[in-house]
Amino acid sequence: MYPLNLLHHQQYIAPLFDTQLKGEPYLFDFSSQNPTTLEFDTRNFDQFQKIVFDELEASGHQWGIGKYLEERSSVLRNYPQMIEEGRIYHAGLDVIVPEGLRLHAPIEGRVFHIGKEIEVGSYGGYVVLEHQTNSKPFYSLYGHLNSNHIIKEGDNIEAGQLIGKTGAYSDSGSWFTHTHLQIITQKAYEDGRMFKGYVTSDDLRTIEMLFPSPYSMFRY
C-alpha cells in the first residue's frame, strides 16, 4: 500500500540512532488509562522530563518507545483546542532518549523543510524529508530536535546520514527529550496536515491514507 510500497523487504532502512541505542526499549504508557499521566505538567519541561526519565531509569532500560495511535487525552489536557477538536490519537512514534543523541535518516530523500515551532507543546526543532516512490512522494517528519540545524532545505540525503540531534526545552517544544517520527502521505500534505501530530477517531478509519505506521521506518 502506498507509500509503504517503497519499504519492501529489499529496502535498506538505516537505524534512526545508528548504534547509540543499547538493548530493548521500555514501552511507555501515555494513554489516559495510566493515572501517572495526570501528574504531567506539559508546560514545565523540567518536571515533565523528570517524571518520564525517572520511570525509564526505574525500568532498567536505556531508552523507550511511545506508541503510534495511542489515545492521549490526559497528556493533552492542557491544550483545549486539541481536546475540543478530538485530536487525541498520536500519529507518530516517540523514541524517548536523552538530549543530544545523533539522528540519522532511515532512507534516502531530500530535505523538504526545516524549522522551529516556538509554542509550548509544539515540535520545537524539526526536519521533514521527502521520499520518492514510483508516482507520488511521501514525507517523514522528525520533531523535537536541536534547532541548530546541520542540514539545509534542498539537500539530498543518503540513508544513514546525520540529520540532527535531539533537543530540549524550547527545542523540544517543552516535551520530554525524544524524537517524534511520523510518516505523511502526499494527501495529508495537500490537505494542510503535515504538522498535525495527533488525529481524531474519525481519522483512524483512513489513517493509512494520511499517516501510515512509522514502525516500518524505524530500526535500532
N, C-alpha and C. Protein backbone atom coordinates (compact mmCIF):
# COMPACT_ATOMS: atom_id res chain seq x y z
N MET A 1 0.85 -1.20 0.00
CA MET A 1 0.00 0.00 0.00
C MET A 1 0.88 1.25 0.00
N TYR A 2 0.52 2.22 -0.83
CA TYR A 2 1.23 3.50 -0.87
C TYR A 2 1.16 4.16 0.51
N PRO A 3 2.27 4.78 1.02
CA PRO A 3 3.59 4.86 0.41
C PRO A 3 4.51 3.71 0.84
N LEU A 4 3.97 2.73 1.51
CA LEU A 4 4.82 1.69 2.07
C LEU A 4 5.30 0.72 1.01
N ASN A 5 4.84 0.88 -0.25
CA ASN A 5 5.36 0.02 -1.30
C ASN A 5 6.85 0.23 -1.51
N LEU A 6 7.35 1.41 -1.10
CA LEU A 6 8.78 1.65 -1.18
C LEU A 6 9.55 0.83 -0.16
N LEU A 7 8.90 0.51 0.94
CA LEU A 7 9.58 -0.11 2.06
C LEU A 7 9.43 -1.62 2.03
N HIS A 8 9.70 -2.22 0.88
CA HIS A 8 9.61 -3.67 0.77
C HIS A 8 10.83 -4.30 1.45
N HIS A 9 10.89 -5.63 1.43
CA HIS A 9 11.90 -6.33 2.22
C HIS A 9 13.32 -6.07 1.72
N GLN A 10 13.49 -5.57 0.48
CA GLN A 10 14.82 -5.31 -0.04
C GLN A 10 15.28 -3.88 0.22
N GLN A 11 14.41 -3.04 0.73
CA GLN A 11 14.76 -1.65 1.01
C GLN A 11 15.63 -1.58 2.25
N TYR A 12 16.80 -0.97 2.12
CA TYR A 12 17.66 -0.79 3.29
C TYR A 12 17.13 0.36 4.13
N ILE A 13 16.95 0.11 5.40
CA ILE A 13 16.50 1.14 6.34
C ILE A 13 17.55 1.26 7.43
N ALA A 14 18.18 2.41 7.49
CA ALA A 14 19.26 2.64 8.45
C ALA A 14 18.69 2.88 9.85
N PRO A 15 19.41 2.46 10.89
CA PRO A 15 18.95 2.73 12.27
C PRO A 15 18.85 4.22 12.52
N LEU A 16 17.75 4.63 13.12
CA LEU A 16 17.48 6.05 13.33
C LEU A 16 18.56 6.70 14.20
N PHE A 17 19.06 5.96 15.18
CA PHE A 17 20.10 6.48 16.07
C PHE A 17 21.42 5.74 15.91
N ASP A 18 21.63 5.17 14.72
CA ASP A 18 22.86 4.46 14.41
C ASP A 18 23.08 3.37 15.46
N THR A 19 24.20 3.40 16.19
CA THR A 19 24.49 2.35 17.19
C THR A 19 24.32 2.86 18.62
N GLN A 20 23.62 3.98 18.80
CA GLN A 20 23.56 4.60 20.12
C GLN A 20 22.55 3.95 21.07
N LEU A 21 21.56 3.24 20.54
CA LEU A 21 20.55 2.62 21.39
C LEU A 21 21.00 1.22 21.78
N LYS A 22 21.04 0.96 23.07
CA LYS A 22 21.51 -0.32 23.58
C LYS A 22 20.34 -1.09 24.21
N GLY A 23 20.26 -2.37 23.89
CA GLY A 23 19.23 -3.21 24.48
C GLY A 23 17.86 -2.95 23.89
N GLU A 24 16.85 -3.54 24.51
CA GLU A 24 15.48 -3.38 24.06
C GLU A 24 14.84 -2.14 24.69
N PRO A 25 13.81 -1.58 24.06
CA PRO A 25 13.18 -0.37 24.60
C PRO A 25 12.20 -0.68 25.73
N TYR A 26 11.99 0.31 26.56
CA TYR A 26 10.91 0.29 27.54
C TYR A 26 9.66 0.84 26.88
N LEU A 27 8.56 0.15 27.01
CA LEU A 27 7.31 0.58 26.37
C LEU A 27 6.52 1.45 27.34
N PHE A 28 6.47 2.74 27.07
CA PHE A 28 5.74 3.68 27.91
C PHE A 28 4.23 3.57 27.64
N ASP A 29 3.46 3.90 28.65
CA ASP A 29 2.01 4.01 28.53
C ASP A 29 1.63 5.46 28.79
N PHE A 30 1.39 6.20 27.72
CA PHE A 30 0.98 7.60 27.82
C PHE A 30 -0.52 7.75 27.60
N SER A 31 -1.24 6.67 27.67
CA SER A 31 -2.69 6.72 27.45
C SER A 31 -3.40 7.26 28.70
N SER A 32 -4.66 7.64 28.52
CA SER A 32 -5.44 8.16 29.65
C SER A 32 -5.77 7.07 30.66
N GLN A 33 -5.51 5.81 30.32
CA GLN A 33 -5.71 4.71 31.28
C GLN A 33 -4.62 4.67 32.34
N ASN A 34 -3.53 5.37 32.11
CA ASN A 34 -2.41 5.40 33.05
C ASN A 34 -2.55 6.62 33.96
N PRO A 35 -2.83 6.45 35.26
CA PRO A 35 -3.04 7.61 36.14
C PRO A 35 -1.81 8.49 36.29
N THR A 36 -0.62 7.98 36.00
CA THR A 36 0.59 8.79 36.10
C THR A 36 0.55 9.98 35.16
N THR A 37 -0.15 9.85 34.03
CA THR A 37 -0.21 10.95 33.08
C THR A 37 -0.87 12.19 33.67
N LEU A 38 -1.68 12.02 34.72
CA LEU A 38 -2.31 13.17 35.36
C LEU A 38 -1.30 14.01 36.15
N GLU A 39 -0.10 13.45 36.38
CA GLU A 39 0.95 14.18 37.08
C GLU A 39 1.77 15.04 36.13
N PHE A 40 1.66 14.80 34.83
CA PHE A 40 2.48 15.53 33.87
C PHE A 40 2.05 16.99 33.80
N ASP A 41 3.02 17.89 33.89
CA ASP A 41 2.77 19.30 33.58
C ASP A 41 3.49 19.56 32.26
N THR A 42 2.74 19.50 31.19
CA THR A 42 3.34 19.59 29.86
C THR A 42 3.85 21.00 29.55
N ARG A 43 3.62 21.95 30.46
CA ARG A 43 4.13 23.30 30.27
C ARG A 43 5.45 23.52 31.00
N ASN A 44 5.89 22.50 31.75
CA ASN A 44 7.08 22.62 32.59
C ASN A 44 8.06 21.52 32.18
N PHE A 45 9.05 21.88 31.37
CA PHE A 45 9.97 20.88 30.83
C PHE A 45 10.65 20.08 31.93
N ASP A 46 11.19 20.74 32.94
CA ASP A 46 11.97 20.04 33.96
C ASP A 46 11.13 19.01 34.70
N GLN A 47 9.88 19.38 35.06
CA GLN A 47 9.01 18.45 35.78
C GLN A 47 8.62 17.28 34.89
N PHE A 48 8.25 17.57 33.66
CA PHE A 48 7.85 16.55 32.70
C PHE A 48 9.00 15.59 32.45
N GLN A 49 10.18 16.15 32.20
CA GLN A 49 11.37 15.35 31.93
C GLN A 49 11.70 14.43 33.10
N LYS A 50 11.61 14.95 34.32
CA LYS A 50 11.98 14.15 35.49
C LYS A 50 11.04 12.95 35.66
N ILE A 51 9.75 13.16 35.53
CA ILE A 51 8.81 12.05 35.72
C ILE A 51 9.05 10.95 34.68
N VAL A 52 9.20 11.35 33.42
CA VAL A 52 9.37 10.37 32.35
C VAL A 52 10.69 9.63 32.49
N PHE A 53 11.76 10.35 32.76
CA PHE A 53 13.07 9.69 32.81
C PHE A 53 13.31 8.97 34.13
N ASP A 54 12.63 9.36 35.20
CA ASP A 54 12.66 8.55 36.43
C ASP A 54 12.02 7.19 36.17
N GLU A 55 10.92 7.18 35.43
CA GLU A 55 10.26 5.92 35.10
C GLU A 55 11.16 5.06 34.21
N LEU A 56 11.82 5.71 33.26
CA LEU A 56 12.73 4.97 32.38
C LEU A 56 13.88 4.36 33.18
N GLU A 57 14.47 5.14 34.08
CA GLU A 57 15.57 4.64 34.89
C GLU A 57 15.13 3.47 35.76
N ALA A 58 13.94 3.58 36.35
CA ALA A 58 13.43 2.51 37.22
C ALA A 58 13.18 1.23 36.43
N SER A 59 12.93 1.37 35.13
CA SER A 59 12.66 0.19 34.31
C SER A 59 13.92 -0.61 34.01
N GLY A 60 15.07 0.02 34.14
CA GLY A 60 16.32 -0.64 33.82
C GLY A 60 16.68 -0.60 32.35
N HIS A 61 15.89 0.13 31.56
CA HIS A 61 16.16 0.25 30.13
C HIS A 61 16.86 1.58 29.85
N GLN A 62 17.58 1.62 28.72
CA GLN A 62 18.31 2.83 28.35
C GLN A 62 17.43 3.81 27.59
N TRP A 63 16.43 3.31 26.89
CA TRP A 63 15.60 4.16 26.04
C TRP A 63 14.19 3.60 25.99
N GLY A 64 13.27 4.39 25.45
CA GLY A 64 11.87 3.96 25.48
C GLY A 64 11.13 4.29 24.21
N ILE A 65 9.91 3.79 24.15
CA ILE A 65 9.03 3.97 22.99
C ILE A 65 7.67 4.50 23.47
N GLY A 66 7.15 5.50 22.75
CA GLY A 66 5.78 5.96 22.91
C GLY A 66 5.01 5.55 21.67
N LYS A 67 3.88 4.92 21.83
CA LYS A 67 3.23 4.18 20.75
C LYS A 67 2.49 5.05 19.73
N TYR A 68 2.45 4.52 18.53
CA TYR A 68 1.66 5.05 17.42
C TYR A 68 0.18 4.77 17.66
N LEU A 69 -0.66 5.76 17.39
CA LEU A 69 -2.12 5.71 17.53
C LEU A 69 -2.59 5.52 18.97
N GLU A 70 -1.74 5.82 19.92
CA GLU A 70 -2.13 5.76 21.33
C GLU A 70 -3.05 6.93 21.66
N GLU A 71 -4.10 6.66 22.42
CA GLU A 71 -5.03 7.71 22.87
C GLU A 71 -4.41 8.43 24.06
N ARG A 72 -4.30 9.78 23.98
CA ARG A 72 -3.53 10.53 24.99
C ARG A 72 -4.29 11.75 25.52
N SER A 73 -5.56 11.61 25.79
CA SER A 73 -6.34 12.77 26.22
C SER A 73 -5.83 13.36 27.53
N SER A 74 -5.34 12.54 28.44
CA SER A 74 -4.83 13.07 29.71
C SER A 74 -3.58 13.90 29.50
N VAL A 75 -2.66 13.42 28.69
CA VAL A 75 -1.43 14.14 28.42
C VAL A 75 -1.72 15.48 27.74
N LEU A 76 -2.76 15.52 26.93
CA LEU A 76 -3.07 16.71 26.14
C LEU A 76 -4.07 17.65 26.83
N ARG A 77 -4.37 17.41 28.08
CA ARG A 77 -5.44 18.15 28.75
C ARG A 77 -5.15 19.65 28.87
N ASN A 78 -3.88 20.06 28.79
CA ASN A 78 -3.55 21.49 28.88
C ASN A 78 -3.67 22.20 27.54
N TYR A 79 -4.12 21.48 26.52
CA TYR A 79 -4.27 22.07 25.18
C TYR A 79 -5.73 21.96 24.76
N PRO A 80 -6.57 22.92 25.19
CA PRO A 80 -8.02 22.83 24.96
C PRO A 80 -8.41 22.65 23.50
N GLN A 81 -7.67 23.28 22.59
CA GLN A 81 -8.02 23.16 21.17
C GLN A 81 -7.90 21.71 20.71
N MET A 82 -6.86 21.02 21.16
CA MET A 82 -6.67 19.62 20.79
C MET A 82 -7.84 18.78 21.31
N ILE A 83 -8.24 19.03 22.56
CA ILE A 83 -9.33 18.27 23.17
C ILE A 83 -10.64 18.58 22.45
N GLU A 84 -10.89 19.86 22.19
CA GLU A 84 -12.14 20.26 21.52
C GLU A 84 -12.25 19.67 20.12
N GLU A 85 -11.11 19.58 19.42
CA GLU A 85 -11.11 19.03 18.07
C GLU A 85 -11.10 17.51 18.07
N GLY A 86 -10.89 16.91 19.25
CA GLY A 86 -10.84 15.46 19.33
C GLY A 86 -9.56 14.85 18.79
N ARG A 87 -8.52 15.67 18.65
CA ARG A 87 -7.24 15.16 18.13
C ARG A 87 -6.41 14.63 19.29
N ILE A 88 -6.70 13.41 19.70
CA ILE A 88 -6.09 12.84 20.89
C ILE A 88 -5.34 11.53 20.60
N TYR A 89 -5.28 11.14 19.34
CA TYR A 89 -4.59 9.90 18.98
C TYR A 89 -3.24 10.24 18.33
N HIS A 90 -2.20 9.68 18.88
CA HIS A 90 -0.83 10.01 18.48
C HIS A 90 -0.51 9.45 17.10
N ALA A 91 -0.18 10.31 16.16
CA ALA A 91 0.00 9.89 14.77
C ALA A 91 1.43 9.49 14.44
N GLY A 92 2.32 9.53 15.43
CA GLY A 92 3.71 9.17 15.19
C GLY A 92 4.22 8.15 16.18
N LEU A 93 5.51 7.93 16.14
CA LEU A 93 6.22 7.07 17.07
C LEU A 93 7.19 7.93 17.85
N ASP A 94 7.15 7.87 19.17
CA ASP A 94 8.09 8.59 20.02
C ASP A 94 9.23 7.66 20.41
N VAL A 95 10.45 8.11 20.19
CA VAL A 95 11.64 7.39 20.66
C VAL A 95 12.25 8.23 21.78
N ILE A 96 12.11 7.75 23.02
CA ILE A 96 12.50 8.53 24.20
C ILE A 96 13.96 8.26 24.51
N VAL A 97 14.77 9.31 24.36
CA VAL A 97 16.22 9.22 24.53
C VAL A 97 16.70 10.52 25.16
N PRO A 98 17.95 10.56 25.66
CA PRO A 98 18.47 11.80 26.23
C PRO A 98 18.70 12.88 25.18
N GLU A 99 18.91 14.09 25.66
CA GLU A 99 19.24 15.21 24.78
C GLU A 99 20.58 14.97 24.09
N GLY A 100 20.67 15.43 22.85
CA GLY A 100 21.95 15.43 22.15
C GLY A 100 22.29 14.17 21.39
N LEU A 101 21.39 13.16 21.37
CA LEU A 101 21.68 11.97 20.58
C LEU A 101 21.58 12.29 19.08
N ARG A 102 22.47 11.69 18.32
CA ARG A 102 22.55 11.94 16.88
C ARG A 102 21.46 11.17 16.15
N LEU A 103 20.79 11.85 15.24
CA LEU A 103 19.67 11.29 14.49
C LEU A 103 20.08 11.11 13.03
N HIS A 104 19.75 9.93 12.46
CA HIS A 104 20.16 9.60 11.10
C HIS A 104 18.94 9.30 10.24
N ALA A 105 19.04 9.61 8.95
CA ALA A 105 17.94 9.35 8.02
C ALA A 105 17.76 7.86 7.81
N PRO A 106 16.54 7.33 7.95
CA PRO A 106 16.32 5.90 7.73
C PRO A 106 16.51 5.49 6.28
N ILE A 107 16.04 6.32 5.34
CA ILE A 107 16.18 6.04 3.92
C ILE A 107 16.58 7.33 3.21
N GLU A 108 16.98 7.21 1.96
CA GLU A 108 17.40 8.39 1.22
C GLU A 108 16.22 9.31 0.94
N GLY A 109 16.53 10.56 0.75
CA GLY A 109 15.49 11.54 0.46
C GLY A 109 16.07 12.91 0.22
N ARG A 110 15.22 13.90 0.28
CA ARG A 110 15.61 15.30 0.09
C ARG A 110 15.05 16.11 1.25
N VAL A 111 15.82 17.06 1.73
CA VAL A 111 15.34 17.90 2.83
C VAL A 111 14.25 18.82 2.29
N PHE A 112 13.03 18.55 2.70
CA PHE A 112 11.87 19.29 2.22
C PHE A 112 11.66 20.57 3.02
N HIS A 113 11.83 20.46 4.34
CA HIS A 113 11.57 21.62 5.19
C HIS A 113 12.29 21.43 6.52
N ILE A 114 12.85 22.50 7.04
CA ILE A 114 13.39 22.50 8.40
C ILE A 114 12.89 23.77 9.09
N GLY A 115 12.88 23.75 10.41
CA GLY A 115 12.45 24.94 11.12
C GLY A 115 12.32 24.69 12.61
N LYS A 116 11.65 25.62 13.25
CA LYS A 116 11.39 25.51 14.68
C LYS A 116 10.05 26.14 15.01
N GLU A 117 9.18 25.36 15.66
CA GLU A 117 7.93 25.90 16.19
C GLU A 117 8.21 26.38 17.61
N ILE A 118 7.71 27.54 17.96
CA ILE A 118 8.08 28.16 19.23
C ILE A 118 7.05 27.96 20.34
N GLU A 119 5.86 27.45 20.01
CA GLU A 119 4.82 27.31 21.02
C GLU A 119 5.13 26.15 21.97
N VAL A 120 4.76 26.31 23.23
CA VAL A 120 4.85 25.21 24.19
C VAL A 120 3.91 24.09 23.73
N GLY A 121 4.41 22.88 23.71
CA GLY A 121 3.63 21.75 23.25
C GLY A 121 3.77 21.47 21.77
N SER A 122 4.65 22.22 21.09
CA SER A 122 4.84 22.05 19.65
C SER A 122 5.98 21.08 19.37
N TYR A 123 6.39 21.00 18.10
CA TYR A 123 7.51 20.16 17.72
C TYR A 123 8.85 20.76 18.10
N GLY A 124 8.91 22.06 18.43
CA GLY A 124 10.22 22.67 18.60
C GLY A 124 10.97 22.59 17.28
N GLY A 125 12.25 22.18 17.33
CA GLY A 125 13.01 22.00 16.10
C GLY A 125 12.54 20.76 15.35
N TYR A 126 12.50 20.87 14.02
CA TYR A 126 12.01 19.73 13.23
C TYR A 126 12.71 19.68 11.88
N VAL A 127 12.67 18.49 11.29
CA VAL A 127 13.17 18.23 9.94
C VAL A 127 12.11 17.41 9.21
N VAL A 128 11.82 17.76 7.97
CA VAL A 128 10.94 16.98 7.12
C VAL A 128 11.72 16.54 5.89
N LEU A 129 11.77 15.23 5.64
CA LEU A 129 12.40 14.69 4.44
C LEU A 129 11.33 14.25 3.45
N GLU A 130 11.61 14.46 2.16
CA GLU A 130 10.73 13.99 1.10
C GLU A 130 11.36 12.74 0.48
N HIS A 131 10.54 11.73 0.27
CA HIS A 131 10.99 10.47 -0.31
C HIS A 131 10.16 10.17 -1.55
N GLN A 132 10.79 9.62 -2.58
CA GLN A 132 10.11 9.37 -3.85
C GLN A 132 9.68 7.91 -3.98
N THR A 133 8.47 7.72 -4.50
CA THR A 133 8.01 6.40 -4.91
C THR A 133 7.90 6.43 -6.44
N ASN A 134 7.27 5.45 -7.02
CA ASN A 134 7.13 5.42 -8.47
C ASN A 134 6.28 6.56 -9.01
N SER A 135 5.32 7.02 -8.21
CA SER A 135 4.39 8.03 -8.70
C SER A 135 4.29 9.25 -7.81
N LYS A 136 4.12 9.05 -6.51
CA LYS A 136 3.91 10.15 -5.60
C LYS A 136 4.98 10.16 -4.50
N PRO A 137 5.32 11.35 -4.01
CA PRO A 137 6.24 11.39 -2.88
C PRO A 137 5.50 11.09 -1.58
N PHE A 138 6.27 10.78 -0.57
CA PHE A 138 5.75 10.82 0.80
C PHE A 138 6.83 11.45 1.65
N TYR A 139 6.53 11.72 2.91
CA TYR A 139 7.39 12.52 3.76
C TYR A 139 7.59 11.84 5.11
N SER A 140 8.76 12.09 5.70
CA SER A 140 8.98 11.67 7.08
C SER A 140 9.36 12.89 7.90
N LEU A 141 8.71 13.03 9.05
CA LEU A 141 8.92 14.18 9.93
C LEU A 141 9.60 13.73 11.20
N TYR A 142 10.56 14.54 11.65
CA TYR A 142 11.33 14.26 12.87
C TYR A 142 11.20 15.49 13.76
N GLY A 143 10.49 15.36 14.87
CA GLY A 143 10.22 16.50 15.73
C GLY A 143 11.03 16.49 17.01
N HIS A 144 11.11 17.65 17.66
CA HIS A 144 11.76 17.84 18.96
C HIS A 144 13.28 17.76 18.84
N LEU A 145 13.81 18.40 17.79
CA LEU A 145 15.24 18.35 17.51
C LEU A 145 15.93 19.65 17.89
N ASN A 146 17.23 19.56 18.11
CA ASN A 146 18.05 20.76 18.29
C ASN A 146 17.86 21.66 17.07
N SER A 147 17.56 22.93 17.30
CA SER A 147 17.21 23.82 16.19
C SER A 147 18.43 24.44 15.50
N ASN A 148 19.63 24.10 15.96
CA ASN A 148 20.83 24.48 15.21
C ASN A 148 21.03 23.44 14.11
N HIS A 149 20.26 23.56 13.05
CA HIS A 149 20.19 22.52 12.03
C HIS A 149 21.53 22.37 11.30
N ILE A 150 21.88 21.12 11.04
CA ILE A 150 23.14 20.82 10.37
C ILE A 150 22.91 20.50 8.90
N ILE A 151 21.68 20.54 8.44
CA ILE A 151 21.34 20.34 7.03
C ILE A 151 20.49 21.52 6.60
N LYS A 152 20.32 21.65 5.30
CA LYS A 152 19.51 22.78 4.79
C LYS A 152 18.51 22.28 3.77
N GLU A 153 17.46 23.04 3.57
CA GLU A 153 16.42 22.65 2.63
C GLU A 153 17.00 22.47 1.23
N GLY A 154 16.57 21.39 0.58
CA GLY A 154 17.06 21.07 -0.76
C GLY A 154 18.21 20.09 -0.77
N ASP A 155 18.86 19.85 0.38
CA ASP A 155 19.95 18.89 0.43
C ASP A 155 19.45 17.49 0.09
N ASN A 156 20.23 16.76 -0.67
CA ASN A 156 19.96 15.34 -0.89
C ASN A 156 20.59 14.54 0.25
N ILE A 157 19.83 13.61 0.80
CA ILE A 157 20.23 12.88 2.00
C ILE A 157 20.30 11.40 1.68
N GLU A 158 21.38 10.76 2.11
CA GLU A 158 21.53 9.32 1.95
C GLU A 158 21.03 8.60 3.20
N ALA A 159 20.63 7.35 3.02
CA ALA A 159 20.25 6.53 4.18
C ALA A 159 21.42 6.45 5.14
N GLY A 160 21.16 6.71 6.42
CA GLY A 160 22.20 6.68 7.44
C GLY A 160 22.91 7.99 7.66
N GLN A 161 22.59 9.01 6.87
CA GLN A 161 23.26 10.30 7.01
C GLN A 161 22.75 11.04 8.24
N LEU A 162 23.64 11.72 8.93
CA LEU A 162 23.28 12.52 10.10
C LEU A 162 22.38 13.68 9.67
N ILE A 163 21.23 13.82 10.35
CA ILE A 163 20.30 14.90 10.00
C ILE A 163 19.99 15.82 11.18
N GLY A 164 20.43 15.47 12.38
CA GLY A 164 20.16 16.33 13.52
C GLY A 164 20.46 15.65 14.84
N LYS A 165 20.09 16.34 15.92
CA LYS A 165 20.26 15.81 17.27
C LYS A 165 19.00 16.11 18.09
N THR A 166 18.74 15.30 19.09
CA THR A 166 17.57 15.54 19.93
C THR A 166 17.74 16.83 20.73
N GLY A 167 16.63 17.53 20.90
CA GLY A 167 16.66 18.81 21.58
C GLY A 167 16.00 18.78 22.95
N ALA A 168 16.01 19.93 23.62
CA ALA A 168 15.41 20.06 24.94
C ALA A 168 14.89 21.48 25.11
N TYR A 169 14.03 21.66 26.14
CA TYR A 169 13.44 22.95 26.42
C TYR A 169 12.69 23.48 25.19
N SER A 170 13.02 24.69 24.72
CA SER A 170 12.25 25.22 23.59
C SER A 170 12.49 24.41 22.32
N ASP A 171 13.65 23.77 22.20
CA ASP A 171 13.91 22.95 21.02
C ASP A 171 13.05 21.69 20.98
N SER A 172 12.57 21.26 22.13
CA SER A 172 11.68 20.09 22.17
C SER A 172 10.22 20.50 22.33
N GLY A 173 9.95 21.81 22.25
CA GLY A 173 8.60 22.28 22.47
C GLY A 173 8.13 22.08 23.90
N SER A 174 9.11 21.97 24.82
CA SER A 174 8.90 21.70 26.26
C SER A 174 8.44 20.28 26.55
N TRP A 175 8.40 19.41 25.52
CA TRP A 175 8.17 17.99 25.78
C TRP A 175 9.45 17.36 26.33
N PHE A 176 9.32 16.24 27.01
CA PHE A 176 10.50 15.46 27.42
C PHE A 176 11.35 15.15 26.19
N THR A 177 12.63 14.90 26.38
CA THR A 177 13.52 14.72 25.24
C THR A 177 13.21 13.40 24.53
N HIS A 178 12.92 13.54 23.25
CA HIS A 178 12.60 12.39 22.41
C HIS A 178 12.53 12.85 20.97
N THR A 179 12.43 11.90 20.07
CA THR A 179 12.17 12.22 18.66
C THR A 179 10.82 11.64 18.28
N HIS A 180 10.00 12.47 17.67
CA HIS A 180 8.71 12.07 17.12
C HIS A 180 8.91 11.78 15.65
N LEU A 181 8.73 10.53 15.24
CA LEU A 181 8.84 10.11 13.85
C LEU A 181 7.44 9.90 13.29
N GLN A 182 7.13 10.58 12.20
CA GLN A 182 5.80 10.47 11.60
C GLN A 182 5.92 10.36 10.09
N ILE A 183 5.13 9.48 9.48
CA ILE A 183 5.07 9.33 8.04
C ILE A 183 3.84 10.09 7.53
N ILE A 184 4.04 10.87 6.47
CA ILE A 184 2.99 11.75 5.96
C ILE A 184 2.82 11.50 4.47
N THR A 185 1.61 11.23 4.05
CA THR A 185 1.35 11.00 2.63
C THR A 185 1.20 12.33 1.88
N GLN A 186 1.24 12.24 0.57
CA GLN A 186 1.01 13.43 -0.24
C GLN A 186 -0.38 14.00 0.00
N LYS A 187 -1.36 13.14 0.22
CA LYS A 187 -2.72 13.61 0.50
C LYS A 187 -2.75 14.44 1.78
N ALA A 188 -2.11 13.94 2.84
CA ALA A 188 -2.10 14.68 4.10
C ALA A 188 -1.40 16.03 3.94
N TYR A 189 -0.32 16.03 3.17
CA TYR A 189 0.39 17.29 2.90
C TYR A 189 -0.52 18.26 2.14
N GLU A 190 -1.17 17.77 1.09
CA GLU A 190 -2.03 18.64 0.30
C GLU A 190 -3.23 19.13 1.09
N ASP A 191 -3.64 18.35 2.10
CA ASP A 191 -4.75 18.76 2.97
C ASP A 191 -4.31 19.71 4.08
N GLY A 192 -3.03 20.09 4.09
CA GLY A 192 -2.52 21.02 5.09
C GLY A 192 -2.30 20.40 6.46
N ARG A 193 -1.99 19.08 6.48
CA ARG A 193 -1.90 18.39 7.76
C ARG A 193 -0.49 17.88 8.07
N MET A 194 0.50 18.43 7.40
CA MET A 194 1.87 17.96 7.60
C MET A 194 2.30 18.06 9.06
N PHE A 195 1.87 19.10 9.77
CA PHE A 195 2.33 19.32 11.13
C PHE A 195 1.28 18.97 12.17
N LYS A 196 0.37 18.08 11.82
CA LYS A 196 -0.63 17.59 12.76
C LYS A 196 -0.14 16.27 13.33
N GLY A 197 0.32 16.30 14.58
CA GLY A 197 0.89 15.11 15.20
C GLY A 197 -0.13 14.24 15.91
N TYR A 198 -1.39 14.71 15.96
CA TYR A 198 -2.46 13.94 16.58
C TYR A 198 -3.67 13.96 15.65
N VAL A 199 -4.46 12.91 15.72
CA VAL A 199 -5.62 12.77 14.83
C VAL A 199 -6.86 12.43 15.64
N THR A 200 -8.02 12.50 14.98
CA THR A 200 -9.29 12.21 15.61
C THR A 200 -9.66 10.74 15.42
N SER A 201 -10.71 10.32 16.12
CA SER A 201 -11.20 8.95 15.96
C SER A 201 -11.70 8.72 14.53
N ASP A 202 -12.28 9.75 13.91
CA ASP A 202 -12.73 9.62 12.52
C ASP A 202 -11.55 9.38 11.58
N ASP A 203 -10.42 10.02 11.88
CA ASP A 203 -9.23 9.85 11.03
C ASP A 203 -8.71 8.41 11.06
N LEU A 204 -8.97 7.71 12.14
CA LEU A 204 -8.43 6.36 12.27
C LEU A 204 -8.93 5.43 11.17
N ARG A 205 -10.10 5.75 10.61
CA ARG A 205 -10.67 4.89 9.56
C ARG A 205 -9.86 4.95 8.27
N THR A 206 -9.18 6.06 8.04
CA THR A 206 -8.40 6.23 6.81
C THR A 206 -6.95 6.59 7.12
N ILE A 207 -6.46 6.14 8.27
CA ILE A 207 -5.14 6.57 8.74
C ILE A 207 -4.03 6.22 7.76
N GLU A 208 -4.14 5.08 7.06
CA GLU A 208 -3.09 4.69 6.12
C GLU A 208 -2.98 5.65 4.93
N MET A 209 -4.05 6.38 4.65
CA MET A 209 -4.02 7.35 3.56
C MET A 209 -3.52 8.72 4.02
N LEU A 210 -3.33 8.86 5.33
CA LEU A 210 -2.87 10.13 5.89
C LEU A 210 -1.50 9.98 6.55
N PHE A 211 -1.46 9.17 7.59
CA PHE A 211 -0.25 8.99 8.38
C PHE A 211 -0.02 7.50 8.64
N PRO A 212 0.56 6.80 7.67
CA PRO A 212 0.77 5.35 7.84
C PRO A 212 1.69 5.05 9.01
N SER A 213 1.69 3.80 9.43
CA SER A 213 2.50 3.38 10.56
C SER A 213 3.97 3.74 10.35
N PRO A 214 4.60 4.38 11.34
CA PRO A 214 6.02 4.71 11.24
C PRO A 214 6.93 3.54 11.62
N TYR A 215 6.37 2.46 12.14
CA TYR A 215 7.21 1.36 12.60
C TYR A 215 8.06 0.79 11.48
N SER A 216 7.56 0.84 10.24
CA SER A 216 8.32 0.28 9.12
C SER A 216 9.57 1.09 8.80
N MET A 217 9.65 2.32 9.31
CA MET A 217 10.82 3.18 9.05
C MET A 217 11.78 3.21 10.24
N PHE A 218 11.48 2.43 11.26
CA PHE A 218 12.29 2.51 12.48
C PHE A 218 13.11 1.24 12.68
N ARG A 219 14.42 1.44 12.76
CA ARG A 219 15.35 0.35 13.08
C ARG A 219 16.25 0.81 14.21
N TYR A 220 16.73 -0.16 14.98
CA TYR A 220 17.69 0.17 16.05
C TYR A 220 18.66 -0.96 16.24
